[in-house]
Amino acid sequence: MSLAYLNLTVLLGAGVLAVVVLYLGHRVLLRESPVTALPFLSGADPREHALSRFHVRWYVVTLLFLAFDVEMLFMYPWALVVAFEGVGAVVEMFFFLAVLMVGVVWAWREGAMRWA
């Protein structure tokens, strides 16, 4: 067996050992009580079923949040290099923002941001 496979085997073995040690340590050190054994909110009684339905507007809000979150993920590295890249980077960012704005206008006209 080559050295690369030996290193991989040792790494996987260490990972499995760490998982087993942490799991057994948790079982030994932390005994469950009837309060902490409840499945929701650290022992608080659940008020509704775990598989209850959410209104579809919550999913739309989540998708809108993700769209703007991804926008920020692209804008931060762009802001770091825009001085070195010049006018081309500014034009590309305005094009990117225009595409996102088309999506926002569409969502607004479809009523995705209206709760009533």
N, C-alpha and C. Protein backbone atom coordinates (compact mmCIF):
# COMPACT_ATOMS: atom_id res chain seq x y z
N MET A 1 0.85 -1.18 0.00
CA MET A 1 0.00 0.00 0.00
C MET A 1 0.90 1.24 0.00
N SER A 2 0.56 2.18 -0.85
CA SER A 2 1.41 3.37 -0.96
C SER A 2 1.14 4.31 0.22
N LEU A 3 2.00 5.30 0.32
CA LEU A 3 1.92 6.25 1.42
C LEU A 3 0.64 7.09 1.36
N ALA A 4 0.16 7.39 0.16
CA ALA A 4 -1.06 8.20 0.03
C ALA A 4 -2.26 7.44 0.58
N TYR A 5 -2.34 6.15 0.28
CA TYR A 5 -3.45 5.36 0.79
C TYR A 5 -3.34 5.17 2.30
N LEU A 6 -2.13 5.06 2.81
CA LEU A 6 -1.93 4.93 4.24
C LEU A 6 -2.39 6.20 4.96
N ASN A 7 -2.04 7.36 4.40
CA ASN A 7 -2.48 8.62 4.99
C ASN A 7 -4.01 8.73 4.97
N LEU A 8 -4.63 8.34 3.87
CA LEU A 8 -6.07 8.38 3.78
C LEU A 8 -6.72 7.44 4.78
N THR A 9 -6.17 6.26 4.93
CA THR A 9 -6.72 5.29 5.88
C THR A 9 -6.59 5.81 7.32
N VAL A 10 -5.46 6.38 7.66
CA VAL A 10 -5.27 6.94 9.00
C VAL A 10 -6.25 8.09 9.24
N LEU A 11 -6.44 8.94 8.25
CA LEU A 11 -7.37 10.07 8.39
C LEU A 11 -8.80 9.59 8.58
N LEU A 12 -9.24 8.63 7.77
CA LEU A 12 -10.59 8.09 7.92
C LEU A 12 -10.76 7.39 9.26
N GLY A 13 -9.75 6.64 9.68
CA GLY A 13 -9.80 5.98 10.99
C GLY A 13 -9.90 6.98 12.13
N ALA A 14 -9.15 8.07 12.04
CA ALA A 14 -9.21 9.11 13.07
C ALA A 14 -10.58 9.77 13.09
N GLY A 15 -11.17 9.98 11.93
CA GLY A 15 -12.51 10.57 11.87
C GLY A 15 -13.55 9.67 12.49
N VAL A 16 -13.51 8.39 12.16
CA VAL A 16 -14.46 7.44 12.74
C VAL A 16 -14.26 7.33 14.24
N LEU A 17 -13.01 7.29 14.69
CA LEU A 17 -12.73 7.22 16.12
C LEU A 17 -13.24 8.46 16.85
N ALA A 18 -13.07 9.63 16.25
CA ALA A 18 -13.56 10.87 16.87
C ALA A 18 -15.07 10.84 17.01
N VAL A 19 -15.77 10.37 15.99
CA VAL A 19 -17.23 10.30 16.05
C VAL A 19 -17.67 9.34 17.16
N VAL A 20 -17.04 8.19 17.23
CA VAL A 20 -17.41 7.19 18.24
C VAL A 20 -17.13 7.73 19.65
N VAL A 21 -15.98 8.35 19.85
CA VAL A 21 -15.63 8.88 21.17
C VAL A 21 -16.61 9.98 21.58
N LEU A 22 -16.93 10.88 20.67
CA LEU A 22 -17.86 11.96 21.01
C LEU A 22 -19.25 11.42 21.30
N TYR A 23 -19.70 10.46 20.53
CA TYR A 23 -21.03 9.88 20.74
C TYR A 23 -21.09 9.16 22.09
N LEU A 24 -20.10 8.34 22.38
CA LEU A 24 -20.09 7.62 23.66
C LEU A 24 -19.91 8.57 24.83
N GLY A 25 -19.08 9.60 24.66
CA GLY A 25 -18.92 10.60 25.72
C GLY A 25 -20.22 11.33 26.02
N HIS A 26 -20.95 11.63 25.00
CA HIS A 26 -22.25 12.28 25.19
C HIS A 26 -23.20 11.37 25.95
N ARG A 27 -23.23 10.10 25.57
CA ARG A 27 -24.11 9.13 26.23
C ARG A 27 -23.73 8.94 27.70
N VAL A 28 -22.44 8.94 28.00
CA VAL A 28 -22.01 8.68 29.37
C VAL A 28 -22.18 9.92 30.24
N LEU A 29 -21.79 11.08 29.72
CA LEU A 29 -21.78 12.29 30.55
C LEU A 29 -23.15 12.96 30.68
N LEU A 30 -23.96 12.90 29.66
CA LEU A 30 -25.24 13.61 29.68
C LEU A 30 -26.38 12.60 29.71
N ARG A 31 -26.95 12.42 30.87
CA ARG A 31 -28.09 11.53 30.99
C ARG A 31 -29.35 12.29 30.59
N GLU A 32 -30.25 11.63 29.91
CA GLU A 32 -31.49 12.29 29.49
C GLU A 32 -32.50 12.30 30.62
N SER A 33 -33.16 13.44 30.77
CA SER A 33 -34.26 13.55 31.72
C SER A 33 -35.56 13.58 30.92
N PRO A 34 -36.70 13.39 31.56
CA PRO A 34 -37.96 13.44 30.81
C PRO A 34 -38.19 14.79 30.13
N VAL A 35 -37.67 15.86 30.71
CA VAL A 35 -37.87 17.19 30.12
C VAL A 35 -37.00 17.36 28.88
N THR A 36 -35.73 16.97 28.96
CA THR A 36 -34.84 17.17 27.82
C THR A 36 -35.04 16.12 26.73
N ALA A 37 -35.78 15.08 27.02
CA ALA A 37 -36.04 14.05 26.01
C ALA A 37 -37.16 14.46 25.06
N LEU A 38 -37.88 15.55 25.38
CA LEU A 38 -38.91 16.02 24.46
C LEU A 38 -38.27 16.49 23.16
N PRO A 39 -38.93 16.32 22.03
CA PRO A 39 -38.27 16.51 20.75
C PRO A 39 -38.22 17.94 20.23
N PHE A 40 -38.67 18.94 20.99
CA PHE A 40 -38.82 20.26 20.38
C PHE A 40 -38.44 21.35 21.36
N LEU A 41 -37.73 22.34 20.92
CA LEU A 41 -37.40 23.55 21.66
C LEU A 41 -36.78 23.29 23.03
N SER A 42 -35.83 22.40 23.09
CA SER A 42 -35.07 22.13 24.30
C SER A 42 -35.95 21.79 25.49
N GLY A 43 -36.98 21.05 25.28
CA GLY A 43 -37.81 20.59 26.38
C GLY A 43 -39.17 21.24 26.46
N ALA A 44 -39.43 22.28 25.70
CA ALA A 44 -40.76 22.91 25.73
C ALA A 44 -41.75 22.03 24.98
N ASP A 45 -42.98 22.01 25.44
CA ASP A 45 -44.00 21.20 24.78
C ASP A 45 -44.29 21.75 23.39
N PRO A 46 -44.30 20.91 22.39
CA PRO A 46 -44.63 21.39 21.03
C PRO A 46 -46.09 21.78 20.94
N ARG A 47 -46.35 22.89 20.23
CA ARG A 47 -47.72 23.37 20.08
C ARG A 47 -48.38 22.87 18.81
N GLU A 48 -47.61 22.38 17.87
CA GLU A 48 -48.18 21.87 16.63
C GLU A 48 -47.35 20.68 16.16
N HIS A 49 -47.88 19.98 15.21
CA HIS A 49 -47.20 18.79 14.71
C HIS A 49 -45.96 19.17 13.92
N ALA A 50 -44.96 18.34 13.93
CA ALA A 50 -43.71 18.63 13.24
C ALA A 50 -43.88 18.70 11.73
N LEU A 51 -44.89 18.03 11.19
CA LEU A 51 -45.10 18.03 9.75
C LEU A 51 -46.23 18.98 9.33
N SER A 52 -46.49 20.00 10.16
CA SER A 52 -47.55 20.94 9.82
C SER A 52 -47.17 21.76 8.59
N ARG A 53 -48.16 22.26 7.91
CA ARG A 53 -47.93 23.00 6.67
C ARG A 53 -47.70 24.47 6.94
N PHE A 54 -46.85 25.06 6.13
CA PHE A 54 -46.61 26.50 6.16
C PHE A 54 -47.31 27.12 4.96
N HIS A 55 -47.67 28.38 5.12
CA HIS A 55 -48.27 29.09 4.00
C HIS A 55 -47.22 29.27 2.91
N VAL A 56 -47.64 29.22 1.67
CA VAL A 56 -46.71 29.27 0.54
C VAL A 56 -45.95 30.60 0.50
N ARG A 57 -46.50 31.64 1.07
CA ARG A 57 -45.80 32.93 1.07
C ARG A 57 -44.48 32.87 1.85
N TRP A 58 -44.40 32.00 2.85
CA TRP A 58 -43.13 31.87 3.57
C TRP A 58 -42.05 31.33 2.65
N TYR A 59 -42.41 30.44 1.75
CA TYR A 59 -41.43 29.90 0.81
C TYR A 59 -41.00 30.98 -0.19
N VAL A 60 -41.93 31.82 -0.60
CA VAL A 60 -41.59 32.91 -1.52
C VAL A 60 -40.65 33.89 -0.85
N VAL A 61 -40.92 34.22 0.41
CA VAL A 61 -40.04 35.13 1.14
C VAL A 61 -38.65 34.51 1.28
N THR A 62 -38.60 33.21 1.53
CA THR A 62 -37.31 32.54 1.65
C THR A 62 -36.54 32.59 0.34
N LEU A 63 -37.21 32.36 -0.77
CA LEU A 63 -36.54 32.41 -2.07
C LEU A 63 -36.06 33.82 -2.38
N LEU A 64 -36.86 34.83 -2.05
CA LEU A 64 -36.42 36.21 -2.26
C LEU A 64 -35.19 36.53 -1.40
N PHE A 65 -35.22 36.06 -0.14
CA PHE A 65 -34.06 36.28 0.73
C PHE A 65 -32.82 35.62 0.14
N LEU A 66 -32.96 34.39 -0.34
CA LEU A 66 -31.81 33.71 -0.91
C LEU A 66 -31.27 34.42 -2.14
N ALA A 67 -32.16 34.96 -2.95
CA ALA A 67 -31.72 35.70 -4.14
C ALA A 67 -30.87 36.90 -3.74
N PHE A 68 -31.32 37.66 -2.74
CA PHE A 68 -30.56 38.83 -2.33
C PHE A 68 -29.32 38.44 -1.53
N ASP A 69 -29.36 37.32 -0.85
CA ASP A 69 -28.18 36.85 -0.14
C ASP A 69 -27.10 36.44 -1.13
N VAL A 70 -27.48 35.76 -2.19
CA VAL A 70 -26.51 35.39 -3.23
C VAL A 70 -25.98 36.64 -3.92
N GLU A 71 -26.82 37.64 -4.07
CA GLU A 71 -26.35 38.90 -4.65
C GLU A 71 -25.23 39.49 -3.81
N MET A 72 -25.39 39.48 -2.51
CA MET A 72 -24.35 40.02 -1.63
C MET A 72 -23.09 39.17 -1.70
N LEU A 73 -23.25 37.86 -1.86
CA LEU A 73 -22.07 37.00 -1.99
C LEU A 73 -21.26 37.34 -3.23
N PHE A 74 -21.93 37.76 -4.29
CA PHE A 74 -21.21 38.14 -5.51
C PHE A 74 -20.67 39.57 -5.42
N MET A 75 -21.35 40.43 -4.68
CA MET A 75 -20.93 41.83 -4.65
C MET A 75 -19.70 42.05 -3.78
N TYR A 76 -19.51 41.26 -2.74
CA TYR A 76 -18.35 41.48 -1.86
C TYR A 76 -17.02 41.26 -2.58
N PRO A 77 -16.82 40.11 -3.24
CA PRO A 77 -15.55 39.96 -3.96
C PRO A 77 -15.40 40.97 -5.09
N TRP A 78 -16.52 41.33 -5.70
CA TRP A 78 -16.47 42.33 -6.77
C TRP A 78 -15.97 43.65 -6.21
N ALA A 79 -16.46 44.02 -5.02
CA ALA A 79 -16.05 45.29 -4.41
C ALA A 79 -14.55 45.30 -4.09
N LEU A 80 -13.99 44.13 -3.83
CA LEU A 80 -12.57 44.07 -3.53
C LEU A 80 -11.69 44.28 -4.76
N VAL A 81 -12.17 43.89 -5.93
CA VAL A 81 -11.32 43.95 -7.13
C VAL A 81 -11.78 44.97 -8.15
N VAL A 82 -12.83 45.72 -7.87
CA VAL A 82 -13.36 46.64 -8.89
C VAL A 82 -12.36 47.73 -9.25
N ALA A 83 -11.53 48.16 -8.32
CA ALA A 83 -10.55 49.21 -8.63
C ALA A 83 -9.49 48.70 -9.61
N PHE A 84 -9.16 47.43 -9.52
CA PHE A 84 -8.14 46.87 -10.41
C PHE A 84 -8.71 46.49 -11.77
N GLU A 85 -9.98 46.13 -11.80
CA GLU A 85 -10.59 45.66 -13.05
C GLU A 85 -11.07 46.79 -13.95
N GLY A 86 -11.49 47.89 -13.36
CA GLY A 86 -11.87 49.05 -14.16
C GLY A 86 -13.34 49.08 -14.54
N VAL A 87 -13.61 49.74 -15.67
CA VAL A 87 -14.97 50.03 -16.10
C VAL A 87 -15.72 48.75 -16.47
N GLY A 88 -15.05 47.76 -16.98
CA GLY A 88 -15.69 46.51 -17.37
C GLY A 88 -16.37 45.83 -16.19
N ALA A 89 -15.73 45.86 -15.03
CA ALA A 89 -16.32 45.25 -13.84
C ALA A 89 -17.56 46.02 -13.40
N VAL A 90 -17.54 47.33 -13.55
CA VAL A 90 -18.71 48.14 -13.16
C VAL A 90 -19.87 47.83 -14.09
N VAL A 91 -19.62 47.72 -15.37
CA VAL A 91 -20.67 47.40 -16.33
C VAL A 91 -21.25 46.01 -16.05
N GLU A 92 -20.39 45.05 -15.75
CA GLU A 92 -20.86 43.70 -15.44
C GLU A 92 -21.74 43.69 -14.19
N MET A 93 -21.36 44.47 -13.17
CA MET A 93 -22.16 44.49 -11.95
C MET A 93 -23.50 45.16 -12.20
N PHE A 94 -23.53 46.21 -13.00
CA PHE A 94 -24.81 46.84 -13.31
C PHE A 94 -25.70 45.89 -14.11
N PHE A 95 -25.13 45.10 -14.98
CA PHE A 95 -25.91 44.10 -15.71
C PHE A 95 -26.46 43.05 -14.75
N PHE A 96 -25.64 42.59 -13.82
CA PHE A 96 -26.07 41.63 -12.81
C PHE A 96 -27.20 42.20 -11.96
N LEU A 97 -27.06 43.44 -11.53
CA LEU A 97 -28.11 44.07 -10.72
C LEU A 97 -29.38 44.30 -11.53
N ALA A 98 -29.24 44.57 -12.81
CA ALA A 98 -30.43 44.75 -13.66
C ALA A 98 -31.20 43.45 -13.78
N VAL A 99 -30.49 42.33 -13.92
CA VAL A 99 -31.17 41.03 -13.99
C VAL A 99 -31.90 40.75 -12.68
N LEU A 100 -31.26 41.05 -11.56
CA LEU A 100 -31.92 40.86 -10.27
C LEU A 100 -33.12 41.79 -10.12
N MET A 101 -33.00 43.01 -10.62
CA MET A 101 -34.11 43.95 -10.50
C MET A 101 -35.30 43.51 -11.33
N VAL A 102 -35.05 42.87 -12.47
CA VAL A 102 -36.15 42.31 -13.25
C VAL A 102 -36.90 41.27 -12.42
N GLY A 103 -36.17 40.44 -11.69
CA GLY A 103 -36.80 39.45 -10.82
C GLY A 103 -37.59 40.09 -9.69
N VAL A 104 -37.07 41.15 -9.11
CA VAL A 104 -37.77 41.84 -8.02
C VAL A 104 -39.05 42.48 -8.53
N VAL A 105 -38.97 43.13 -9.68
CA VAL A 105 -40.16 43.77 -10.25
C VAL A 105 -41.21 42.72 -10.58
N TRP A 106 -40.78 41.60 -11.14
CA TRP A 106 -41.72 40.52 -11.44
C TRP A 106 -42.39 40.00 -10.17
N ALA A 107 -41.59 39.76 -9.11
CA ALA A 107 -42.15 39.26 -7.85
C ALA A 107 -43.10 40.29 -7.24
N TRP A 108 -42.76 41.56 -7.34
CA TRP A 108 -43.63 42.61 -6.80
C TRP A 108 -44.96 42.66 -7.55
N ARG A 109 -44.89 42.59 -8.88
CA ARG A 109 -46.13 42.64 -9.69
C ARG A 109 -46.99 41.40 -9.48
N GLU A 110 -46.36 40.24 -9.18
CA GLU A 110 -47.12 39.03 -8.93
C GLU A 110 -47.72 39.00 -7.53
N GLY A 111 -47.33 39.95 -6.68
CA GLY A 111 -47.88 40.02 -5.33
C GLY A 111 -47.13 39.18 -4.33
N ALA A 112 -45.88 38.82 -4.61
CA ALA A 112 -45.14 37.97 -3.70
C ALA A 112 -44.81 38.68 -2.40
N MET A 113 -44.77 39.99 -2.40
CA MET A 113 -44.44 40.74 -1.20
C MET A 113 -45.66 41.32 -0.51
N ARG A 114 -46.83 40.92 -0.95
CA ARG A 114 -48.08 41.44 -0.36
C ARG A 114 -48.67 40.34 0.53
N TRP A 115 -48.95 40.65 1.79
CA TRP A 115 -49.42 39.65 2.74
C TRP A 115 -50.92 39.66 2.90
N ALA A 116 -51.58 40.66 2.47
CA ALA A 116 -53.04 40.73 2.69
C ALA A 116 -53.80 39.97 1.63
